[in-house]
């Protein structure tokens, strides 16, 4: 093959390969963003708490696990990370229950036990529906707790509903900004359908806020959490765990931070 033909073919091949990669990323973005989504039913027997069903205004049914606390203490509403499940939070339910604090953890639409398929608009709707369901049962206030992807749901929920406090574990400025840093060679801003712009919503969250992040987090960089913290309105506080990454943040100290924050709100 002549050099002239190579000069034509090689750029065309590279362009085709890049376009194919971009197309694949676009088509698979939701499977990448919501790896925990599954059509599997919820366990017939709850691993902790009580199996509950929550109806959303757009016709979906959410599975949740609910541990009722004492009537004069707030309840925690948990929005977990994108690859997580409500069943995994028995340790937190038990620790909270020892102090008389309740916990509701919902399974997002498309996640085990819930109908539908996940999207940003859907998850934000789920958050509001869960808050409204819990507000009928918890008369002493609701503390919204989000972890990782769930921090975007928590920020949106607290900005629209009267939560008494907000706990953000591994928060981000936006999922868009995290994706842009991870895939700098992809025009993410043009392709992303679910950007989760906490940076645009955090100003509405006037409640007391606790930020928790691990310095070794390689999924959501500490810098992203710190950036959101800087633009968040007071009152706020931040705990940084030097030895923790994204999947080993929960320990006696972090659970103690959550309990201490909730109990201080009562004061």
Protein backbone atom coordinates (compact mmCIF):
# COMPACT_ATOMS: atom_id res chain seq x y z
CA UNK A 1 0.00 0.00 0.00
CA UNK A 2 1.35 3.39 -0.92
CA UNK A 3 2.25 6.02 1.63
CA UNK A 4 -0.39 8.32 0.16
CA UNK A 5 -3.13 5.77 0.78
CA UNK A 6 -1.87 5.19 4.33
CA UNK A 7 -2.10 8.91 5.03
CA UNK A 8 -5.78 8.74 4.09
CA UNK A 9 -6.70 5.40 5.64
CA UNK A 10 -5.02 5.81 9.03
CA UNK A 11 -6.82 9.05 10.01
CA UNK A 12 -10.12 7.62 8.78
CA UNK A 13 -9.59 4.46 10.81
CA UNK A 14 -8.71 6.47 13.90
CA UNK A 15 -11.75 8.71 13.42
CA UNK A 16 -14.02 5.69 13.02
CA UNK A 17 -12.58 4.04 16.14
CA UNK A 18 -13.06 7.23 18.16
CA UNK A 19 -16.61 7.72 16.91
CA UNK A 20 -17.40 4.10 17.79
CA UNK A 21 -16.01 4.59 21.28
CA UNK A 22 -18.03 7.76 21.80
CA UNK A 23 -21.16 6.04 20.52
CA UNK A 24 -20.62 3.06 22.80
CA UNK A 25 -20.14 5.34 25.82
CA UNK A 26 -23.30 7.25 24.97
CA UNK A 27 -25.42 4.12 24.58
CA UNK A 28 -24.05 2.41 27.70
CA UNK A 29 -23.89 5.43 30.03
CA UNK A 30 -26.87 4.41 32.16
CA UNK A 31 -25.62 0.86 32.61
CA UNK A 32 -22.31 2.37 33.75
CA UNK A 33 -23.98 4.90 36.05
CA UNK A 34 -26.46 2.47 37.63
CA UNK A 35 -24.62 -0.86 37.98
CA UNK A 36 -26.79 -1.94 40.90
CA UNK A 37 -30.01 -1.84 38.87
CA UNK A 38 -31.58 -5.27 38.55
CA UNK A 39 -34.95 -6.82 37.89
CA UNK A 40 -34.41 -9.15 40.84
CA UNK A 41 -37.19 -9.12 43.42
CA UNK A 42 -36.60 -7.97 46.97
CA UNK A 43 -35.86 -10.63 49.53
CA UNK A 44 -39.05 -12.09 50.97
CA UNK A 45 -37.60 -11.75 54.44
CA UNK A 46 -36.07 -8.38 55.32
CA UNK A 47 -32.42 -8.50 56.31
CA UNK A 48 -33.20 -5.71 58.78
CA UNK A 49 -36.26 -3.64 59.54
CA UNK A 50 -39.57 -4.03 57.73
CA UNK A 51 -40.24 -4.43 54.01
CA UNK A 52 -42.27 -1.42 52.82
CA UNK A 53 -43.64 -0.22 49.48
CA UNK A 54 -43.70 3.43 48.41
CA UNK A 55 -45.72 4.71 45.48
CA UNK A 56 -44.23 7.49 43.35
CA UNK A 57 -46.34 10.18 41.64
CA UNK A 58 -45.40 8.81 38.21
CA UNK A 59 -46.68 5.32 38.94
CA UNK A 60 -43.62 3.37 40.10
CA UNK A 61 -43.45 1.27 43.26
CA UNK A 62 -40.31 1.47 45.38
CA UNK A 63 -39.11 -1.21 47.76
CA UNK A 64 -37.72 0.01 51.04
CA UNK A 65 -36.48 -1.23 54.39
CA UNK A 66 -37.75 0.67 57.42
CA UNK A 67 -36.70 0.56 61.05
CA UNK A 68 -38.98 2.75 63.14
CA UNK A 69 -37.35 4.83 65.85
CA UNK A 70 -38.70 6.45 68.98
CA UNK A 71 -41.47 8.98 68.41
CA UNK A 72 -39.49 11.94 69.78
CA UNK A 73 -36.33 11.37 67.72
CA UNK A 74 -35.58 12.10 64.05
CA UNK A 75 -35.48 9.38 61.43
CA UNK A 76 -32.69 9.00 58.87
CA UNK A 77 -33.64 8.68 55.18
CA UNK A 78 -30.86 6.91 53.28
CA UNK A 79 -30.07 7.21 49.58
CA UNK A 80 -27.28 4.74 48.80
CA UNK A 81 -24.61 4.61 46.09
CA UNK A 82 -25.09 3.45 42.50
CA UNK A 83 -23.89 -0.12 43.02
CA UNK A 84 -25.31 -0.54 46.51
CA UNK A 85 -28.45 -2.08 48.00
CA UNK A 86 -30.67 -1.32 50.98
CA UNK A 87 -29.95 -4.76 52.44
CA UNK A 88 -26.36 -3.69 53.13
CA UNK A 89 -27.25 -1.17 55.84
CA UNK A 90 -28.26 -3.40 58.72
CA UNK A 91 -25.15 -2.25 60.58
CA UNK A 92 -26.33 1.36 60.39
CA UNK A 93 -29.93 0.51 61.29
CA UNK A 94 -28.71 -1.39 64.34
CA UNK A 95 -26.42 1.42 65.50
CA UNK A 96 -29.15 4.02 65.05
CA UNK A 97 -31.77 1.85 66.73
CA UNK A 98 -29.55 1.56 69.81
CA UNK A 99 -30.04 5.32 70.19
CA UNK A 100 -33.73 5.25 69.35
CA UNK A 101 -33.21 6.64 65.81
CA UNK A 102 -35.10 5.15 62.86
CA UNK A 103 -33.86 4.44 59.34
CA UNK A 104 -35.55 4.20 55.95
CA UNK A 105 -33.45 2.99 53.00
CA UNK A 106 -35.16 2.94 49.61
CA UNK A 107 -34.32 0.91 46.55
CA UNK A 108 -34.33 3.27 43.57
CA UNK A 109 -36.55 2.52 40.59
CA UNK A 110 -35.06 -0.31 38.58
CA UNK A 111 -33.13 -1.60 41.62
CA UNK A 112 -34.06 -4.88 43.34
CA UNK A 113 -37.68 -4.92 44.44
CA UNK A 114 -38.64 -1.67 42.69
CA UNK A 115 -40.35 -1.15 39.35
CA UNK A 116 -39.19 1.01 36.45
CA UNK A 117 -35.71 1.85 35.21
CA UNK A 118 -33.25 4.36 36.67
CA UNK A 119 -32.63 7.87 35.41
CA UNK A 120 -31.74 11.14 37.09
CA UNK A 121 -35.30 12.46 36.86
CA UNK A 122 -36.58 9.15 38.19
CA UNK A 123 -34.23 8.98 41.15
CA UNK A 124 -34.99 12.58 42.13
CA UNK A 125 -38.69 11.74 42.02
CA UNK A 126 -38.00 8.67 44.18
CA UNK A 127 -36.25 10.83 46.76
CA UNK A 128 -39.20 13.19 47.12
CA UNK A 129 -41.67 10.28 47.28
CA UNK A 130 -39.64 8.58 50.02
CA UNK A 131 -39.45 11.80 52.05
CA UNK A 132 -43.18 12.34 51.77
CA UNK A 133 -43.89 8.73 52.79
CA UNK A 134 -41.60 9.03 55.82
CA UNK A 135 -42.89 12.44 56.88
CA UNK A 136 -46.27 10.87 57.68
CA UNK A 137 -44.56 8.39 60.02
CA UNK A 138 -41.79 10.48 61.56
CA UNK A 139 -43.12 13.51 63.40
CA UNK A 140 -39.80 14.53 64.93
CA UNK A 141 -38.01 15.37 61.71
CA UNK A 142 -36.09 13.65 58.93
CA UNK A 143 -32.33 13.67 58.40
CA UNK A 144 -31.45 12.99 54.78
CA UNK A 145 -28.30 10.90 54.27
CA UNK A 146 -26.81 10.36 50.82
CA UNK A 147 -23.83 8.25 49.88
CA UNK A 148 -21.92 8.66 46.59
CA UNK A 149 -24.50 8.87 43.77
CA UNK A 150 -27.17 9.20 46.47
CA UNK A 151 -25.73 12.54 47.60
CA UNK A 152 -27.25 14.11 44.48
CA UNK A 153 -30.64 12.68 45.45
CA UNK A 154 -30.14 13.90 49.02
CA UNK A 155 -29.22 17.44 47.96
CA UNK A 156 -32.24 17.69 45.67
CA UNK A 157 -34.58 16.27 48.32
CA UNK A 158 -33.35 18.56 51.09
CA UNK A 159 -33.63 21.53 48.75
CA UNK A 160 -37.32 20.80 48.18
CA UNK A 161 -38.45 19.33 51.49
CA UNK A 162 -38.06 20.42 55.16
CA UNK A 163 -35.37 17.99 56.27
CA UNK A 164 -33.89 18.93 59.64
CA UNK A 165 -30.38 17.97 58.58
CA UNK A 166 -28.32 16.57 55.70
CA UNK A 167 -25.41 14.11 55.71
CA UNK A 168 -23.38 13.73 52.51
CA UNK A 169 -20.91 10.83 52.30
CA UNK A 170 -18.64 11.13 49.25
CA UNK A 171 -20.46 14.09 47.71
CA UNK A 172 -19.57 15.57 44.32
CA UNK A 173 -20.00 18.87 42.54
CA UNK A 174 -21.80 16.91 39.83
CA UNK A 175 -21.65 13.49 38.24
CA UNK A 176 -20.87 15.41 35.05
CA UNK A 177 -17.68 16.90 36.51
CA UNK A 178 -16.56 13.51 37.86
CA UNK A 179 -17.11 11.93 34.44
CA UNK A 180 -15.27 14.76 32.69
CA UNK A 181 -12.24 14.20 34.90
CA UNK A 182 -12.34 10.45 34.33
CA UNK A 183 -12.90 10.61 30.56
CA UNK A 184 -11.16 13.79 29.37
CA UNK A 185 -10.99 12.45 25.80
CA UNK A 186 -14.81 12.16 25.54
CA UNK A 187 -17.15 15.18 25.01
CA UNK A 188 -19.03 14.22 28.18
CA UNK A 189 -20.95 17.49 28.49
CA UNK A 190 -22.56 16.90 25.08
CA UNK A 191 -23.44 13.28 25.75
CA UNK A 192 -24.42 12.92 29.39
CA UNK A 193 -28.13 12.53 30.06
CA UNK A 194 -27.95 12.32 33.90
CA UNK A 195 -25.49 14.99 35.12
CA UNK A 196 -26.74 15.25 38.76
CA UNK A 197 -25.79 18.91 39.24
CA UNK A 198 -25.46 19.20 43.00
CA UNK A 199 -23.47 22.38 42.40
CA UNK A 200 -26.65 24.02 41.10
CA UNK A 201 -28.84 22.72 43.94
CA UNK A 202 -26.72 23.02 47.08
CA UNK A 203 -27.56 26.71 47.61
CA UNK A 204 -31.14 25.66 48.41
CA UNK A 205 -29.98 23.39 51.23
CA UNK A 206 -30.06 25.73 54.21
CA UNK A 207 -30.24 22.95 56.82
CA UNK A 208 -27.22 21.91 58.94
CA UNK A 209 -24.95 19.73 56.84
CA UNK A 210 -22.29 17.14 57.60
CA UNK A 211 -19.86 16.24 54.80
CA UNK A 212 -17.87 12.99 55.09
CA UNK A 213 -15.14 12.00 52.64
CA UNK A 214 -12.16 9.66 52.43
CA UNK A 215 -8.85 11.13 51.31
CA UNK A 216 -8.04 7.95 49.36
CA UNK A 217 -11.32 7.93 47.42
CA UNK A 218 -10.50 7.07 43.80
CA UNK A 219 -14.11 7.11 42.58
CA UNK A 220 -15.22 10.57 43.70
CA UNK A 221 -12.10 12.63 44.41
CA UNK A 222 -11.92 14.48 47.71
CA UNK A 223 -11.39 17.66 45.68
CA UNK A 224 -14.92 17.33 44.27
CA UNK A 225 -16.44 16.92 47.73
CA UNK A 226 -14.41 19.85 49.07
CA UNK A 227 -15.52 22.02 46.15
CA UNK A 228 -19.18 21.32 46.95
CA UNK A 229 -18.51 22.00 50.62
CA UNK A 230 -17.01 25.39 49.82
CA UNK A 231 -20.09 26.60 47.95
CA UNK A 232 -22.59 25.09 50.40
CA UNK A 233 -24.33 27.60 52.68
CA UNK A 234 -23.79 27.52 56.43
CA UNK A 235 -24.24 25.76 58.78
CA UNK A 236 -21.89 23.00 57.65
CA UNK A 237 -19.03 20.84 58.84
CA UNK A 238 -16.70 18.36 57.17
CA UNK A 239 -14.96 15.19 58.33
CA UNK A 240 -12.08 13.84 56.22
CA UNK A 241 -10.80 10.33 56.89
CA UNK A 242 -7.19 10.10 55.78
CA UNK A 243 -7.04 6.30 55.59
CA UNK A 244 -10.37 5.65 53.89
CA UNK A 245 -11.24 5.09 50.24
CA UNK A 246 -14.59 4.80 48.54
CA UNK A 247 -15.64 1.38 49.79
CA UNK A 248 -14.21 1.26 53.31
CA UNK A 249 -15.60 4.46 54.82
CA UNK A 250 -18.03 2.87 57.26
CA UNK A 251 -16.53 2.14 60.64
CA UNK A 252 -17.18 2.94 64.28
CA UNK A 253 -15.93 6.50 63.84
CA UNK A 254 -18.04 7.41 60.80
CA UNK A 255 -21.17 5.80 62.25
CA UNK A 256 -20.44 7.76 65.41
CA UNK A 257 -20.23 10.95 63.35
CA UNK A 258 -23.67 10.24 61.89
CA UNK A 259 -25.22 9.54 65.28
CA UNK A 260 -23.55 12.56 66.88
CA UNK A 261 -24.79 14.84 64.11
CA UNK A 262 -28.36 13.54 64.36
CA UNK A 263 -28.45 13.84 68.13
CA UNK A 264 -26.97 17.34 68.04
CA UNK A 265 -29.84 18.42 65.77
CA UNK A 266 -32.28 17.51 68.52
CA UNK A 267 -30.44 19.86 70.84
